[in-house]
């Protein structure tokens, strides 16, 4: 049957909603971060970047990874919390 209160409101815990939203946003950011990192590594492997560009990319990726760790910690999330299970397709993010 219908488990909603008679007034139609859903009782939501603000902290739970905030954590869930943060998890979703950080999952998307982590997916993009990993894609950018893979693309950068491909370009490094191909050799079409200067030493300065390689250094800058490396520093940027390390800083982004650090910031992601800070945000996960702030919201009480573990790296595996960002890996959404897509059922028969498997996890969204590769398991390293």
C-alpha atoms as a PDB file:
ATOM      1  CA  UNK A   1       0.000   0.000   0.000  1.00  0.00           C
ATOM      2  CA  UNK A   2       0.890   3.652   0.172  1.00  0.00           C
ATOM      3  CA  UNK A   3       3.432   4.391   2.937  1.00  0.00           C
ATOM      4  CA  UNK A   4       3.333   8.181   2.446  1.00  0.00           C
ATOM      5  CA  UNK A   5       1.890  10.320   5.214  1.00  0.00           C
ATOM      6  CA  UNK A   6      -1.606  11.634   4.589  1.00  0.00           C
ATOM      7  CA  UNK A   7      -0.322  15.149   3.920  1.00  0.00           C
ATOM      8  CA  UNK A   8       1.781  13.802   0.992  1.00  0.00           C
ATOM      9  CA  UNK A   9       5.097  14.842   2.491  1.00  0.00           C
ATOM     10  CA  UNK A  10       8.075  12.562   2.544  1.00  0.00           C
ATOM     11  CA  UNK A  11      10.086  12.598   5.754  1.00  0.00           C
ATOM     12  CA  UNK A  12      13.690  12.970   4.641  1.00  0.00           C
ATOM     13  CA  UNK A  13      16.763  13.196   6.788  1.00  0.00           C
ATOM     14  CA  UNK A  14      18.717  16.257   5.640  1.00  0.00           C
ATOM     15  CA  UNK A  15      22.108  14.652   6.356  1.00  0.00           C
ATOM     16  CA  UNK A  16      21.164  11.528   4.431  1.00  0.00           C
ATOM     17  CA  UNK A  17      19.989  13.569   1.437  1.00  0.00           C
ATOM     18  CA  UNK A  18      23.147  15.712   1.520  1.00  0.00           C
ATOM     19  CA  UNK A  19      25.398  12.651   1.703  1.00  0.00           C
ATOM     20  CA  UNK A  20      23.504  10.944  -1.120  1.00  0.00           C
ATOM     21  CA  UNK A  21      23.706  14.006  -3.332  1.00  0.00           C
ATOM     22  CA  UNK A  22      27.405  14.464  -2.545  1.00  0.00           C
ATOM     23  CA  UNK A  23      27.987  10.805  -3.378  1.00  0.00           C
ATOM     24  CA  UNK A  24      26.267  11.183  -6.739  1.00  0.00           C
ATOM     25  CA  UNK A  25      28.135  14.376  -7.657  1.00  0.00           C
ATOM     26  CA  UNK A  26      31.507  12.982  -6.538  1.00  0.00           C
ATOM     27  CA  UNK A  27      30.843   9.788  -8.501  1.00  0.00           C
ATOM     28  CA  UNK A  28      30.404  11.820 -11.696  1.00  0.00           C
ATOM     29  CA  UNK A  29      33.494  13.916 -10.913  1.00  0.00           C
ATOM     30  CA  UNK A  30      35.535  10.770 -10.191  1.00  0.00           C
ATOM     31  CA  UNK A  31      34.405   9.189 -13.458  1.00  0.00           C
ATOM     32  CA  UNK A  32      35.475  12.307 -15.373  1.00  0.00           C
ATOM     33  CA  UNK A  33      38.767  12.478 -13.443  1.00  0.00           C
ATOM     34  CA  UNK A  34      39.588   8.896 -14.376  1.00  0.00           C
ATOM     35  CA  UNK A  35      38.693   9.485 -18.029  1.00  0.00           C
ATOM     36  CA  UNK A  36      40.909  12.592 -18.187  1.00  0.00           C
ATOM     37  CA  UNK A  37      43.731  10.701 -16.485  1.00  0.00           C
ATOM     38  CA  UNK A  38      43.521   7.842 -19.004  1.00  0.00           C
ATOM     39  CA  UNK A  39      43.481  10.262 -21.916  1.00  0.00           C
ATOM     40  CA  UNK A  40      46.498  12.102 -20.496  1.00  0.00           C
ATOM     41  CA  UNK A  41      48.398   8.828 -20.071  1.00  0.00           C
ATOM     42  CA  UNK A  42      47.614   7.875 -23.678  1.00  0.00           C
ATOM     43  CA  UNK A  43      48.998  11.201 -24.872  1.00  0.00           C
ATOM     44  CA  UNK A  44      52.117  10.737 -22.751  1.00  0.00           C
ATOM     45  CA  UNK A  45      52.584   7.214 -24.169  1.00  0.00           C
ATOM     46  CA  UNK A  46      52.214   8.508 -27.722  1.00  0.00           C
ATOM     47  CA  UNK A  47      54.825  11.163 -26.998  1.00  0.00           C
ATOM     48  CA  UNK A  48      52.968  14.179 -28.359  1.00  0.00           C
ATOM     49  CA  UNK A  49      53.436  16.237 -25.165  1.00  0.00           C
ATOM     50  CA  UNK A  50      56.407  18.297 -24.094  1.00  0.00           C
ATOM     51  CA  UNK A  51      58.164  17.556 -20.793  1.00  0.00           C
ATOM     52  CA  UNK A  52      56.601  20.721 -19.366  1.00  0.00           C
ATOM     53  CA  UNK A  53      53.097  19.605 -20.386  1.00  0.00           C
ATOM     54  CA  UNK A  54      53.652  16.161 -18.866  1.00  0.00           C
ATOM     55  CA  UNK A  55      54.803  17.759 -15.608  1.00  0.00           C
ATOM     56  CA  UNK A  56      51.817  20.135 -15.528  1.00  0.00           C
ATOM     57  CA  UNK A  57      49.346  17.326 -16.234  1.00  0.00           C
ATOM     58  CA  UNK A  58      50.895  15.175 -13.524  1.00  0.00           C
ATOM     59  CA  UNK A  59      50.711  17.936 -10.934  1.00  0.00           C
ATOM     60  CA  UNK A  60      47.132  18.787 -11.892  1.00  0.00           C
ATOM     61  CA  UNK A  61      45.987  15.169 -11.674  1.00  0.00           C
ATOM     62  CA  UNK A  62      47.661  14.725  -8.283  1.00  0.00           C
ATOM     63  CA  UNK A  63      46.012  17.904  -6.964  1.00  0.00           C
ATOM     64  CA  UNK A  64      42.620  16.779  -8.244  1.00  0.00           C
ATOM     65  CA  UNK A  65      43.029  13.362  -6.632  1.00  0.00           C
ATOM     66  CA  UNK A  66      43.958  15.040  -3.319  1.00  0.00           C
ATOM     67  CA  UNK A  67      40.919  17.306  -3.489  1.00  0.00           C
ATOM     68  CA  UNK A  68      38.662  14.327  -4.205  1.00  0.00           C
ATOM     69  CA  UNK A  69      40.057  12.580  -1.111  1.00  0.00           C
ATOM     70  CA  UNK A  70      39.342  15.704   0.972  1.00  0.00           C
ATOM     71  CA  UNK A  71      35.769  15.888  -0.314  1.00  0.00           C
ATOM     72  CA  UNK A  72      35.161  12.182   0.309  1.00  0.00           C
ATOM     73  CA  UNK A  73      36.452  12.607   3.853  1.00  0.00           C
ATOM     74  CA  UNK A  74      34.293  15.701   4.410  1.00  0.00           C
ATOM     75  CA  UNK A  75      31.143  13.782   3.442  1.00  0.00           C
ATOM     76  CA  UNK A  76      32.203  10.552   5.160  1.00  0.00           C
ATOM     77  CA  UNK A  77      32.528   8.603   1.926  1.00  0.00           C
ATOM     78  CA  UNK A  78      34.979   5.878   0.974  1.00  0.00           C
ATOM     79  CA  UNK A  79      36.300   5.457  -2.585  1.00  0.00           C
ATOM     80  CA  UNK A  80      34.144   2.348  -3.005  1.00  0.00           C
ATOM     81  CA  UNK A  81      31.040   4.400  -2.100  1.00  0.00           C
ATOM     82  CA  UNK A  82      31.471   6.227  -5.416  1.00  0.00           C
ATOM     83  CA  UNK A  83      31.407   3.048  -7.489  1.00  0.00           C
ATOM     84  CA  UNK A  84      27.765   2.581  -8.443  1.00  0.00           C
ATOM     85  CA  UNK A  85      26.750  -1.004  -9.183  1.00  0.00           C
ATOM     86  CA  UNK A  86      25.104  -1.117 -12.610  1.00  0.00           C
ATOM     87  CA  UNK A  87      23.709  -4.607 -12.110  1.00  0.00           C
ATOM     88  CA  UNK A  88      24.496  -6.915 -15.020  1.00  0.00           C
ATOM     89  CA  UNK A  89      26.869  -4.308 -16.487  1.00  0.00           C
ATOM     90  CA  UNK A  90      29.009  -4.379 -13.360  1.00  0.00           C
ATOM     91  CA  UNK A  91      30.479  -1.420 -11.465  1.00  0.00           C
ATOM     92  CA  UNK A  92      30.573   2.045 -13.018  1.00  0.00           C
ATOM     93  CA  UNK A  93      34.227   2.641 -12.178  1.00  0.00           C
ATOM     94  CA  UNK A  94      36.998   0.138 -12.804  1.00  0.00           C
ATOM     95  CA  UNK A  95      38.319  -1.516  -9.676  1.00  0.00           C
ATOM     96  CA  UNK A  96      42.008  -0.779  -9.394  1.00  0.00           C
END
